[in-house]
Amino acid sequence: MQRQREERYEIWESVVLIPLEPAESRCSAATVIDISPSGYRILSATKLDIGAEVLITLNSVAIVGRVRHCEPADLHSFTAGVEITKVVDGIPEESQAA
Protein backbone atom coordinates (compact mmCIF):
# COMPACT_ATOMS: atom_id res chain seq x y z
CA MET A 1 0.00 0.00 0.00
CA GLN A 2 1.41 3.38 -1.02
CA ARG A 3 1.75 5.98 1.73
CA GLN A 4 1.60 9.74 1.23
CA ARG A 5 5.03 11.33 1.08
CA GLU A 6 3.74 14.89 1.19
CA GLU A 7 2.78 16.68 4.35
CA ARG A 8 -0.99 16.78 4.84
CA TYR A 9 -2.79 19.64 6.53
CA GLU A 10 -5.94 19.01 8.55
CA ILE A 11 -8.66 21.53 7.63
CA TRP A 12 -12.23 20.15 8.23
CA GLU A 13 -14.01 22.45 5.72
CA SER A 14 -17.57 21.86 4.50
CA VAL A 15 -17.85 21.79 0.71
CA VAL A 16 -20.29 20.88 -2.04
CA LEU A 17 -19.07 17.80 -3.89
CA ILE A 18 -20.04 17.70 -7.57
CA PRO A 19 -19.37 14.45 -9.46
CA LEU A 20 -18.45 15.34 -13.05
CA GLU A 21 -19.21 11.85 -14.34
CA PRO A 22 -21.62 10.22 -14.89
CA ALA A 23 -23.88 13.10 -15.90
CA GLU A 24 -26.81 11.87 -13.78
CA SER A 25 -24.80 12.16 -10.55
CA ARG A 26 -26.02 14.66 -7.98
CA CYS A 27 -24.26 17.23 -5.82
CA SER A 28 -23.80 16.35 -2.17
CA ALA A 29 -22.40 17.87 0.98
CA ALA A 30 -18.96 16.70 2.05
CA THR A 31 -16.16 17.71 4.39
CA VAL A 32 -12.53 18.08 3.33
CA ILE A 33 -10.63 16.46 6.20
CA ASP A 34 -7.09 17.16 5.04
CA ILE A 35 -5.23 18.45 2.02
CA SER A 36 -1.74 18.26 0.51
CA PRO A 37 -0.20 19.80 -2.62
CA SER A 38 -1.36 16.83 -4.75
CA GLY A 39 -4.61 15.68 -3.14
CA TYR A 40 -7.21 15.82 -0.42
CA ARG A 41 -9.28 13.49 1.71
CA ILE A 42 -13.01 13.95 2.11
CA LEU A 43 -15.74 12.60 4.34
CA SER A 44 -19.01 12.08 2.47
CA ALA A 45 -22.35 10.32 2.86
CA THR A 46 -21.98 9.28 -0.78
CA LYS A 47 -19.79 6.39 -1.93
CA LEU A 48 -17.58 7.59 -4.79
CA ASP A 49 -16.45 5.41 -7.67
CA ILE A 50 -12.70 4.95 -7.99
CA GLY A 51 -11.52 6.90 -11.03
CA ALA A 52 -14.50 9.28 -10.99
CA GLU A 53 -13.82 12.97 -11.58
CA VAL A 54 -15.18 15.32 -8.90
CA LEU A 55 -15.28 19.06 -8.30
CA ILE A 56 -15.31 20.96 -5.01
CA THR A 57 -15.09 24.66 -4.28
CA LEU A 58 -13.01 25.62 -1.29
CA ASN A 59 -13.10 29.32 -0.45
CA SER A 60 -12.75 30.95 -3.89
CA VAL A 61 -10.91 28.02 -5.50
CA ALA A 62 -12.43 25.24 -7.63
CA ILE A 63 -10.56 21.95 -7.33
CA VAL A 64 -11.06 19.14 -9.82
CA GLY A 65 -9.75 15.74 -8.87
CA ARG A 66 -9.89 12.01 -9.54
CA VAL A 67 -10.99 9.59 -6.80
CA ARG A 68 -8.11 7.25 -5.96
CA HIS A 69 -9.80 5.24 -3.19
CA CYS A 70 -13.03 5.23 -1.17
CA GLU A 71 -13.69 3.24 2.02
CA PRO A 72 -16.50 3.12 4.57
CA ALA A 73 -15.81 5.39 7.55
CA ASP A 74 -18.82 4.14 9.51
CA LEU A 75 -22.36 2.96 8.75
CA HIS A 76 -23.39 6.26 7.12
CA SER A 77 -20.27 7.79 5.60
CA PHE A 78 -17.20 7.18 3.44
CA THR A 79 -13.71 8.63 3.26
CA ALA A 80 -12.18 9.13 -0.15
CA GLY A 81 -8.73 10.13 -1.32
CA VAL A 82 -8.81 12.47 -4.29
CA GLU A 83 -5.82 13.32 -6.50
CA ILE A 84 -5.90 16.96 -7.63
CA THR A 85 -5.90 17.31 -11.42
CA LYS A 86 -6.81 21.00 -11.84
CA VAL A 87 -7.13 24.09 -9.64
CA VAL A 88 -8.97 27.22 -10.79
CA ASP A 89 -8.60 30.35 -8.66
CA GLY A 90 -11.08 33.21 -8.49
CA ILE A 91 -14.49 31.51 -8.65
CA PRO A 92 -17.29 34.12 -8.59
CA GLU A 93 -19.18 34.11 -5.26
CA GLU A 94 -22.59 33.54 -6.89
CA SER A 95 -21.40 30.22 -8.33
CA GLN A 96 -20.39 28.97 -4.87
CA ALA A 97 -23.93 29.13 -3.44
CA ALA A 98 -25.07 25.73 -4.74
PDB file of N, CA and C in Angstrom:
ATOM      1  N   MET A   1       0.839  -1.187   0.000  1.00  0.00           N
ATOM      2  CA  MET A   1       0.000   0.000   0.000  1.00  0.00           C
ATOM      3  C   MET A   1       0.881   1.247   0.000  1.00  0.00           C
ATOM      4  N   GLN A   2       0.612   2.171  -0.896  1.00  0.00           N
ATOM      5  CA  GLN A   2       1.407   3.379  -1.017  1.00  0.00           C
ATOM      6  C   GLN A   2       1.011   4.383   0.058  1.00  0.00           C
ATOM      7  N   ARG A   3       1.977   4.967   0.704  1.00  0.00           N
ATOM      8  CA  ARG A   3       1.754   5.979   1.730  1.00  0.00           C
ATOM      9  C   ARG A   3       2.061   7.357   1.174  1.00  0.00           C
ATOM     10  N   GLN A   4       1.351   8.360   1.668  1.00  0.00           N
ATOM     11  CA  GLN A   4       1.598   9.738   1.230  1.00  0.00           C
ATOM     12  C   GLN A   4       2.993  10.168   1.667  1.00  0.00           C
ATOM     13  N   ARG A   5       3.702  10.804   0.764  1.00  0.00           N
ATOM     14  CA  ARG A   5       5.026  11.330   1.083  1.00  0.00           C
ATOM     15  C   ARG A   5       4.969  12.816   1.368  1.00  0.00           C
ATOM     16  N   GLU A   6       3.894  13.451   0.980  1.00  0.00           N
ATOM     17  CA  GLU A   6       3.743  14.886   1.192  1.00  0.00           C
ATOM     18  C   GLU A   6       3.088  15.150   2.537  1.00  0.00           C
ATOM     19  N   GLU A   7       3.419  16.286   3.103  1.00  0.00           N
ATOM     20  CA  GLU A   7       2.785  16.676   4.351  1.00  0.00           C
ATOM     21  C   GLU A   7       1.324  17.022   4.091  1.00  0.00           C
ATOM     22  N   ARG A   8       0.443  16.528   4.959  1.00  0.00           N
ATOM     23  CA  ARG A   8      -0.989  16.775   4.839  1.00  0.00           C
ATOM     24  C   ARG A   8      -1.388  17.749   5.936  1.00  0.00           C
ATOM     25  N   TYR A   9      -2.338  18.624   5.591  1.00  0.00           N
ATOM     26  CA  TYR A   9      -2.795  19.642   6.527  1.00  0.00           C
ATOM     27  C   TYR A   9      -4.262  19.406   6.847  1.00  0.00           C
ATOM     28  N   GLU A  10      -4.572  19.215   8.123  1.00  0.00           N
ATOM     29  CA  GLU A  10      -5.944  19.006   8.552  1.00  0.00           C
ATOM     30  C   GLU A  10      -6.710  20.318   8.429  1.00  0.00           C
ATOM     31  N   ILE A  11      -7.917  20.277   7.785  1.00  0.00           N
ATOM     32  CA  ILE A  11      -8.662  21.529   7.626  1.00  0.00           C
ATOM     33  C   ILE A  11     -10.130  21.442   8.026  1.00  0.00           C
ATOM     34  N   TRP A  12     -10.816  20.322   7.872  1.00  0.00           N
ATOM     35  CA  TRP A  12     -12.233  20.153   8.232  1.00  0.00           C
ATOM     36  C   TRP A  12     -13.098  21.301   7.716  1.00  0.00           C
ATOM     37  N   GLU A  13     -13.197  21.408   6.389  1.00  0.00           N
ATOM     38  CA  GLU A  13     -14.008  22.446   5.721  1.00  0.00           C
ATOM     39  C   GLU A  13     -15.190  21.806   5.001  1.00  0.00           C
ATOM     40  N   SER A  14     -16.384  22.336   5.220  1.00  0.00           N
ATOM     41  CA  SER A  14     -17.567  21.864   4.502  1.00  0.00           C
ATOM     42  C   SER A  14     -17.519  22.356   3.064  1.00  0.00           C
ATOM     43  N   VAL A  15     -17.860  21.463   2.134  1.00  0.00           N
ATOM     44  CA  VAL A  15     -17.850  21.791   0.705  1.00  0.00           C
ATOM     45  C   VAL A  15     -19.045  21.130   0.025  1.00  0.00           C
ATOM     46  N   VAL A  16     -19.333  21.573  -1.180  1.00  0.00           N
ATOM     47  CA  VAL A  16     -20.286  20.881  -2.042  1.00  0.00           C
ATOM     48  C   VAL A  16     -19.459  20.035  -2.996  1.00  0.00           C
ATOM     49  N   LEU A  17     -19.765  18.744  -3.034  1.00  0.00           N
ATOM     50  CA  LEU A  17     -19.068  17.796  -3.889  1.00  0.00           C
ATOM     51  C   LEU A  17     -19.904  17.586  -5.144  1.00  0.00           C
ATOM     52  N   ILE A  18     -19.313  17.817  -6.302  1.00  0.00           N
ATOM     53  CA  ILE A  18     -20.037  17.699  -7.567  1.00  0.00           C
ATOM     54  C   ILE A  18     -19.345  16.633  -8.424  1.00  0.00           C
ATOM     55  N   PRO A  19     -19.946  15.454  -8.545  1.00  0.00           N
ATOM     56  CA  PRO A  19     -19.374  14.448  -9.455  1.00  0.00           C
ATOM     57  C   PRO A  19     -19.497  14.941 -10.904  1.00  0.00           C
ATOM     58  N   LEU A  20     -18.434  14.874 -11.658  1.00  0.00           N
ATOM     59  CA  LEU A  20     -18.449  15.336 -13.046  1.00  0.00           C
ATOM     60  C   LEU A  20     -18.816  14.220 -14.012  1.00  0.00           C
ATOM     61  N   GLU A  21     -18.825  12.993 -13.530  1.00  0.00           N
ATOM     62  CA  GLU A  21     -19.214  11.849 -14.341  1.00  0.00           C
ATOM     63  C   GLU A  21     -19.783  10.786 -13.426  1.00  0.00           C
ATOM     64  N   PRO A  22     -20.761  10.060 -13.734  1.00  0.00           N
ATOM     65  CA  PRO A  22     -21.624  10.223 -14.895  1.00  0.00           C
ATOM     66  C   PRO A  22     -22.507  11.448 -14.761  1.00  0.00           C
ATOM     67  N   ALA A  23     -23.091  11.860 -15.853  1.00  0.00           N
ATOM     68  CA  ALA A  23     -23.875  13.098 -15.900  1.00  0.00           C
ATOM     69  C   ALA A  23     -25.074  13.085 -14.961  1.00  0.00           C
ATOM     70  N   GLU A  24     -25.634  11.910 -14.654  1.00  0.00           N
ATOM     71  CA  GLU A  24     -26.810  11.869 -13.784  1.00  0.00           C
ATOM     72  C   GLU A  24     -26.471  11.948 -12.293  1.00  0.00           C
ATOM     73  N   SER A  25     -25.199  12.036 -11.943  1.00  0.00           N
ATOM     74  CA  SER A  25     -24.797  12.159 -10.546  1.00  0.00           C
ATOM     75  C   SER A  25     -25.278  13.474  -9.954  1.00  0.00           C
ATOM     76  N   ARG A  26     -25.514  13.473  -8.661  1.00  0.00           N
ATOM     77  CA  ARG A  26     -26.023  14.660  -7.975  1.00  0.00           C
ATOM     78  C   ARG A  26     -24.973  15.243  -7.035  1.00  0.00           C
ATOM     79  N   CYS A  27     -25.105  16.541  -6.777  1.00  0.00           N
ATOM     80  CA  CYS A  27     -24.261  17.232  -5.818  1.00  0.00           C
ATOM     81  C   CYS A  27     -24.566  16.700  -4.427  1.00  0.00           C
ATOM     82  N   SER A  28     -23.582  16.747  -3.548  1.00  0.00           N
ATOM     83  CA  SER A  28     -23.804  16.350  -2.170  1.00  0.00           C
ATOM     84  C   SER A  28     -22.872  17.137  -1.265  1.00  0.00           C
ATOM     85  N   ALA A  29     -23.259  17.212  -0.007  1.00  0.00           N
ATOM     86  CA  ALA A  29     -22.405  17.866   0.979  1.00  0.00           C
ATOM     87  C   ALA A  29     -21.270  16.914   1.354  1.00  0.00           C
ATOM     88  N   ALA A  30     -20.122  17.480   1.628  1.00  0.00           N
ATOM     89  CA  ALA A  30     -18.964  16.701   2.054  1.00  0.00           C
ATOM     90  C   ALA A  30     -18.091  17.584   2.930  1.00  0.00           C
ATOM     91  N   THR A  31     -17.119  16.974   3.567  1.00  0.00           N
ATOM     92  CA  THR A  31     -16.159  17.706   4.386  1.00  0.00           C
ATOM     93  C   THR A  31     -14.759  17.335   3.943  1.00  0.00           C
ATOM     94  N   VAL A  32     -13.939  18.332   3.615  1.00  0.00           N
ATOM     95  CA  VAL A  32     -12.528  18.078   3.330  1.00  0.00           C
ATOM     96  C   VAL A  32     -11.843  17.926   4.688  1.00  0.00           C
ATOM     97  N   ILE A  33     -11.266  16.767   4.920  1.00  0.00           N
ATOM     98  CA  ILE A  33     -10.626  16.459   6.198  1.00  0.00           C
ATOM     99  C   ILE A  33      -9.189  16.953   6.217  1.00  0.00           C
ATOM    100  N   ASP A  34      -8.472  16.671   5.139  1.00  0.00           N
ATOM    101  CA  ASP A  34      -7.092  17.156   5.039  1.00  0.00           C
ATOM    102  C   ASP A  34      -6.738  17.361   3.577  1.00  0.00           C
ATOM    103  N   ILE A  35      -5.648  18.087   3.377  1.00  0.00           N
ATOM    104  CA  ILE A  35      -5.235  18.449   2.018  1.00  0.00           C
ATOM    105  C   ILE A  35      -3.715  18.479   1.948  1.00  0.00           C
ATOM    106  N   SER A  36      -3.176  18.172   0.775  1.00  0.00           N
ATOM    107  CA  SER A  36      -1.742  18.256   0.507  1.00  0.00           C
ATOM    108  C   SER A  36      -1.591  18.920  -0.854  1.00  0.00           C
ATOM    109  N   PRO A  37      -0.368  19.182  -1.301  1.00  0.00           N
ATOM    110  CA  PRO A  37      -0.204  19.801  -2.620  1.00  0.00           C
ATOM    111  C   PRO A  37      -0.773  18.973  -3.780  1.00  0.00           C
ATOM    112  N   SER A  38      -0.894  17.647  -3.617  1.00  0.00           N
ATOM    113  CA  SER A  38      -1.365  16.832  -4.745  1.00  0.00           C
ATOM    114  C   SER A  38      -2.728  16.178  -4.532  1.00  0.00           C
ATOM    115  N   GLY A  39      -3.334  16.343  -3.350  1.00  0.00           N
ATOM    116  CA  GLY A  39      -4.607  15.678  -3.137  1.00  0.00           C
ATOM    117  C   GLY A  39      -5.288  16.107  -1.851  1.00  0.00           C
ATOM    118  N   TYR A  40      -6.471  15.538  -1.652  1.00  0.00           N
ATOM    119  CA  TYR A  40      -7.212  15.818  -0.419  1.00  0.00           C
ATOM    120  C   TYR A  40      -8.029  14.603  -0.044  1.00  0.00           C
ATOM    121  N   ARG A  41      -8.447  14.572   1.214  1.00  0.00           N
ATOM    122  CA  ARG A  41      -9.278  13.488   1.708  1.00  0.00           C
ATOM    123  C   ARG A  41     -10.598  14.082   2.157  1.00  0.00           C
ATOM    124  N   ILE A  42     -11.694  13.450   1.754  1.00  0.00           N
ATOM    125  CA  ILE A  42     -13.011  13.953   2.105  1.00  0.00           C
ATOM    126  C   ILE A  42     -13.805  12.910   2.878  1.00  0.00           C
ATOM    127  N   LEU A  43     -14.757  13.413   3.646  1.00  0.00           N
ATOM    128  CA  LEU A  43     -15.739  12.599   4.344  1.00  0.00           C
ATOM    129  C   LEU A  43     -17.076  12.910   3.695  1.00  0.00           C
ATOM    130  N   SER A  44     -17.780  11.879   3.243  1.00  0.00           N
ATOM    131  CA  SER A  44     -19.006  12.076   2.473  1.00  0.00           C
ATOM    132  C   SER A  44     -20.020  10.990   2.803  1.00  0.00           C
ATOM    133  N   ALA A  45     -21.296  11.322   2.709  1.00  0.00           N
ATOM    134  CA  ALA A  45     -22.351  10.320   2.863  1.00  0.00           C
ATOM    135  C   ALA A  45     -22.498   9.496   1.597  1.00  0.00           C
ATOM    136  N   THR A  46     -21.873   9.928   0.520  1.00  0.00           N
ATOM    137  CA  THR A  46     -21.978   9.276  -0.781  1.00  0.00           C
ATOM    138  C   THR A  46     -20.729   8.455  -1.072  1.00  0.00           C
ATOM    139  N   LYS A  47     -20.917   7.201  -1.483  1.00  0.00           N
ATOM    140  CA  LYS A  47     -19.785   6.391  -1.928  1.00  0.00           C
ATOM    141  C   LYS A  47     -19.382   6.866  -3.312  1.00  0.00           C
ATOM    142  N   LEU A  48     -18.092   7.101  -3.507  1.00  0.00           N
ATOM    143  CA  LEU A  48     -17.579   7.588  -4.790  1.00  0.00           C
ATOM    144  C   LEU A  48     -16.885   6.458  -5.531  1.00  0.00           C
ATOM    145  N   ASP A  49     -17.091   6.420  -6.841  1.00  0.00           N
ATOM    146  CA  ASP A  49     -16.450   5.407  -7.675  1.00  0.00           C
ATOM    147  C   ASP A  49     -14.978   5.751  -7.874  1.00  0.00           C
ATOM    148  N   ILE A  50     -14.128   4.749  -7.745  1.00  0.00           N
ATOM    149  CA  ILE A  50     -12.703   4.946  -7.993  1.00  0.00           C
ATOM    150  C   ILE A  50     -12.525   5.340  -9.457  1.00  0.00           C
ATOM    151  N   GLY A  51     -11.752   6.387  -9.683  1.00  0.00           N
ATOM    152  CA  GLY A  51     -11.521   6.895 -11.035  1.00  0.00           C
ATOM    153  C   GLY A  51     -12.466   8.013 -11.437  1.00  0.00           C
ATOM    154  N   ALA A  52     -13.541   8.220 -10.659  1.00  0.00           N
ATOM    155  CA  ALA A  52     -14.501   9.280 -10.994  1.00  0.00           C
ATOM    156  C   ALA A  52     -13.865  10.656 -10.824  1.00  0.00           C
ATOM    157  N   GLU A  53     -14.264  11.582 -11.683  1.00  0.00           N
ATOM    158  CA  GLU A  53     -13.822  12.968 -11.582  1.00  0.00           C
ATOM    159  C   GLU A  53     -14.830  13.737 -10.743  1.00  0.00           C
ATOM    160  N   VAL A  54     -14.320  14.535  -9.782  1.00  0.00           N
ATOM    161  CA  VAL A  54     -15.184  15.316  -8.898  1.00  0.00           C
ATOM    162  C   VAL A  54     -14.690  16.754  -8.829  1.00  0.00           C
ATOM    163  N   LEU A  55     -15.596  17.643  -8.452  1.00  0.00           N
ATOM    164  CA  LEU A  55     -15.282  19.064  -8.301  1.00  0.00           C
ATOM    165  C   LEU A  55     -15.744  19.508  -6.924  1.00  0.00           C
ATOM    166  N   ILE A  56     -14.908  20.273  -6.234  1.00  0.00           N
ATOM    167  CA  ILE A  56     -15.314  20.960  -5.010  1.00  0.00           C
ATOM    168  C   ILE A  56     -14.890  22.417  -5.134  1.00  0.00           C
ATOM    169  N   THR A  57     -15.576  23.289  -4.403  1.00  0.00           N
ATOM    170  CA  THR A  57     -15.093  24.662  -4.276  1.00  0.00           C
ATOM    171  C   THR A  57     -14.725  24.871  -2.821  1.00  0.00           C
ATOM    172  N   LEU A  58     -13.549  25.381  -2.616  1.00  0.00           N
ATOM    173  CA  LEU A  58     -13.010  25.617  -1.286  1.00  0.00           C
ATOM    174  C   LEU A  58     -12.561  27.065  -1.247  1.00  0.00           C
ATOM    175  N   ASN A  59     -13.280  27.869  -0.454  1.00  0.00           N
ATOM    176  CA  ASN A  59     -13.103  29.316  -0.451  1.00  0.00           C
ATOM    177  C   ASN A  59     -13.399  29.819  -1.859  1.00  0.00           C
ATOM    178  N   SER A  60     -12.477  30.462  -2.531  1.00  0.00           N
ATOM    179  CA  SER A  60     -12.753  30.946  -3.891  1.00  0.00           C
ATOM    180  C   SER A  60     -11.979  30.140  -4.937  1.00  0.00           C
ATOM    181  N   VAL A  61     -11.690  28.874  -4.611  1.00  0.00           N
ATOM    182  CA  VAL A  61     -10.913  28.021  -5.501  1.00  0.00           C
ATOM    183  C   VAL A  61     -11.736  26.785  -5.879  1.00  0.00           C
ATOM    184  N   ALA A  62     -11.803  26.476  -7.162  1.00  0.00           N
ATOM    185  CA  ALA A  62     -12.434  25.245  -7.633  1.00  0.00           C
ATOM    186  C   ALA A  62     -11.334  24.209  -7.816  1.00  0.00           C
ATOM    187  N   ILE A  63     -11.561  23.018  -7.260  1.00  0.00           N
ATOM    188  CA  ILE A  63     -10.562  21.953  -7.329  1.00  0.00           C
ATOM    189  C   ILE A  63     -11.194  20.736  -7.989  1.00  0.00           C
ATOM    190  N   VAL A  64     -10.620  20.338  -9.117  1.00  0.00           N
ATOM    191  CA  VAL A  64     -11.057  19.139  -9.823  1.00  0.00           C
ATOM    192  C   VAL A  64     -10.078  18.031  -9.467  1.00  0.00           C
ATOM    193  N   GLY A  65     -10.620  16.848  -9.217  1.00  0.00           N
ATOM    194  CA  GLY A  65      -9.754  15.738  -8.872  1.00  0.00           C
ATOM    195  C   GLY A  65     -10.321  14.409  -9.310  1.00  0.00           C
ATOM    196  N   ARG A  66      -9.496  13.369  -9.177  1.00  0.00           N
ATOM    197  CA  ARG A  66      -9.888  12.012  -9.540  1.00  0.00           C
ATOM    198  C   ARG A  66      -9.817  11.162  -8.269  1.00  0.00           C
ATOM    199  N   VAL A  67     -10.904  10.429  -7.998  1.00  0.00           N
ATOM    200  CA  VAL A  67     -10.991   9.587  -6.803  1.00  0.00           C
ATOM    201  C   VAL A  67     -10.009   8.430  -6.936  1.00  0.00           C
ATOM    202  N   ARG A  68      -9.119   8.307  -5.954  1.00  0.00           N
ATOM    203  CA  ARG A  68      -8.112   7.246  -5.956  1.00  0.00           C
ATOM    204  C   ARG A  68      -8.542   6.054  -5.110  1.00  0.00           C
ATOM    205  N   HIS A  69      -9.283   6.319  -4.032  1.00  0.00           N
ATOM    206  CA  HIS A  69      -9.804   5.244  -3.187  1.00  0.00           C
ATOM    207  C   HIS A  69     -10.990   5.772  -2.395  1.00  0.00           C
ATOM    208  N   CYS A  70     -11.865   4.860  -1.964  1.00  0.00           N
ATOM    209  CA  CYS A  70     -13.031   5.228  -1.174  1.00  0.00           C
ATOM    210  C   CYS A  70     -13.379   4.045  -0.274  1.00  0.00           C
ATOM    211  N   GLU A  71     -13.411   4.288   1.046  1.00  0.00           N
ATOM    212  CA  GLU A  71     -13.691   3.239   2.022  1.00  0.00           C
ATOM    213  C   GLU A  71     -14.775   3.688   2.981  1.00  0.00           C
ATOM    214  N   PRO A  72     -15.523   2.747   3.541  1.00  0.00           N
ATOM    215  CA  PRO A  72     -16.505   3.118   4.569  1.00  0.00           C
ATOM    216  C   PRO A  72     -15.792   3.698   5.793  1.00  0.00           C
ATOM    217  N   ALA A  73     -16.334   4.799   6.315  1.00  0.00           N
ATOM    218  CA  ALA A  73     -15.806   5.393   7.547  1.00  0.00           C
ATOM    219  C   ALA A  73     -16.610   4.876   8.734  1.00  0.00           C
ATOM    220  N   ASP A  74     -17.909   4.720   8.531  1.00  0.00           N
ATOM    221  CA  ASP A  74     -18.822   4.144   9.506  1.00  0.00           C
ATOM    222  C   ASP A  74     -20.063   3.687   8.751  1.00  0.00           C
ATOM    223  N   LEU A  75     -21.166   3.464   9.430  1.00  0.00           N
ATOM    224  CA  LEU A  75     -22.364   2.962   8.750  1.00  0.00           C
ATOM    225  C   LEU A  75     -22.974   3.946   7.766  1.00  0.00           C
ATOM    226  N   HIS A  76     -22.706   5.242   7.932  1.00  0.00           N
ATOM    227  CA  HIS A  76     -23.388   6.255   7.125  1.00  0.00           C
ATOM    228  C   HIS A  76     -22.464   7.177   6.335  1.00  0.00           C
ATOM    229  N   SER A  77     -21.165   6.897   6.324  1.00  0.00           N
ATOM    230  CA  SER A  77     -20.269   7.794   5.597  1.00  0.00           C
ATOM    231  C   SER A  77     -19.055   7.049   5.037  1.00  0.00           C
ATOM    232  N   PHE A  78     -18.371   7.731   4.122  1.00  0.00           N
ATOM    233  CA  PHE A  78     -17.204   7.185   3.438  1.00  0.00           C
ATOM    234  C   PHE A  78     -16.081   8.205   3.475  1.00  0.00           C
ATOM    235  N   THR A  79     -14.848   7.739   3.481  1.00  0.00           N
ATOM    236  CA  THR A  79     -13.712   8.628   3.263  1.00  0.00           C
ATOM    237  C   THR A  79     -13.137   8.286   1.900  1.00  0.00           C
ATOM    238  N   ALA A  80     -12.746   9.328   1.179  1.00  0.00           N
ATOM    239  CA  ALA A  80     -12.179   9.133  -0.154  1.00  0.00           C
ATOM    240  C   ALA A  80     -10.924   9.981  -0.310  1.00  0.00           C
ATOM    241  N   GLY A  81      -9.928   9.399  -0.945  1.00  0.00           N
ATOM    242  CA  GLY A  81      -8.731  10.134  -1.318  1.00  0.00           C
ATOM    243  C   GLY A  81      -8.881  10.603  -2.747  1.00  0.00           C
ATOM    244  N   VAL A  82      -8.631  11.880  -2.972  1.00  0.00           N
ATOM    245  CA  VAL A  82      -8.813  12.472  -4.290  1.00  0.00           C
ATOM    246  C   VAL A  82      -7.508  13.120  -4.738  1.00  0.00           C
ATOM    247  N   GLU A  83      -7.027  12.721  -5.914  1.00  0.00           N
ATOM    248  CA  GLU A  83      -5.824  13.316  -6.499  1.00  0.00           C
ATOM    249  C   GLU A  83      -6.225  14.569  -7.266  1.00  0.00           C
ATOM    250  N   ILE A  84      -5.588  15.694  -6.964  1.00  0.00           N
ATOM    251  CA  ILE A  84      -5.902  16.957  -7.632  1.00  0.00           C
ATOM    252  C   ILE A  84      -5.397  16.922  -9.066  1.00  0.00           C
ATOM    253  N   THR A  85      -6.297  17.262 -10.011  1.00  0.00           N
ATOM    254  CA  THR A  85      -5.897  17.310 -11.421  1.00  0.00           C
ATOM    255  C   THR A  85      -5.928  18.727 -11.975  1.00  0.00           C
ATOM    256  N   LYS A  86      -6.718  19.618 -11.354  1.00  0.00           N
ATOM    257  CA  LYS A  86      -6.806  20.998 -11.843  1.00  0.00           C
ATOM    258  C   LYS A  86      -7.299  21.902 -10.719  1.00  0.00           C
ATOM    259  N   VAL A  87      -6.718  23.085 -10.615  1.00  0.00           N
ATOM    260  CA  VAL A  87      -7.132  24.093  -9.640  1.00  0.00           C
ATOM    261  C   VAL A  87      -7.411  25.379 -10.393  1.00  0.00           C
ATOM    262  N   VAL A  88      -8.597  25.964 -10.157  1.00  0.00           N
ATOM    263  CA  VAL A  88      -8.970  27.216 -10.795  1.00  0.00           C
ATOM    264  C   VAL A  88      -9.233  28.235  -9.695  1.00  0.00           C
ATOM    265  N   ASP A  89      -8.466  29.305  -9.685  1.00  0.00           N
ATOM    266  CA  ASP A  89      -8.599  30.352  -8.664  1.00  0.00           C
ATOM    267  C   ASP A  89      -9.580  31.432  -9.135  1.00  0.00           C
ATOM    268  N   GLY A  90     -10.241  32.076  -8.179  1.00  0.00           N
ATOM    269  CA  GLY A  90     -11.077  33.207  -8.494  1.00  0.00           C
ATOM    270  C   GLY A  90     -12.479  32.852  -8.947  1.00  0.00           C
ATOM    271  N   ILE A  91     -13.125  31.888  -8.309  1.00  0.00           N
ATOM    272  CA  ILE A  91     -14.495  31.507  -8.652  1.00  0.00           C
ATOM    273  C   ILE A  91     -15.437  32.595  -8.178  1.00  0.00           C
ATOM    274  N   PRO A  92     -16.347  33.093  -9.028  1.00  0.00           N
ATOM    275  CA  PRO A  92     -17.293  34.124  -8.589  1.00  0.00           C
ATOM    276  C   PRO A  92     -18.145  33.631  -7.438  1.00  0.00           C
ATOM    277  N   GLU A  93     -18.437  34.509  -6.454  1.00  0.00           N
ATOM    278  CA  GLU A  93     -19.183  34.114  -5.263  1.00  0.00           C
ATOM    279  C   GLU A  93     -20.537  33.531  -5.586  1.00  0.00           C
ATOM    280  N   GLU A  94     -21.254  34.051  -6.584  1.00  0.00           N
ATOM    281  CA  GLU A  94     -22.588  33.538  -6.886  1.00  0.00           C
ATOM    282  C   GLU A  94     -22.564  32.095  -7.343  1.00  0.00           C
ATOM    283  N   SER A  95     -21.460  31.603  -7.903  1.00  0.00           N
ATOM    284  CA  SER A  95     -21.396  30.216  -8.333  1.00  0.00           C
ATOM    285  C   SER A  95     -21.094  29.271  -7.178  1.00  0.00           C
ATOM    286  N   GLN A  96     -20.683  29.796  -6.020  1.00  0.00           N
ATOM    287  CA  GLN A  96     -20.394  28.973  -4.869  1.00  0.00           C
ATOM    288  C   GLN A  96     -21.635  28.625  -4.070  1.00  0.00           C
ATOM    289  N   ALA A  97     -22.705  29.354  -4.226  1.00  0.00           N
ATOM    290  CA  ALA A  97     -23.926  29.127  -3.444  1.00  0.00           C
ATOM    291  C   ALA A  97     -24.778  28.067  -4.119  1.00  0.00           C
ATOM    292  N   ALA A  98     -24.327  26.827  -4.093  1.00  0.00           N
ATOM    293  CA  ALA A  98     -25.066  25.728  -4.738  1.00  0.00           C
ATOM    294  C   ALA A  98     -25.886  24.973  -3.720  1.00  0.00           C
TER     295      ALA A  98
END
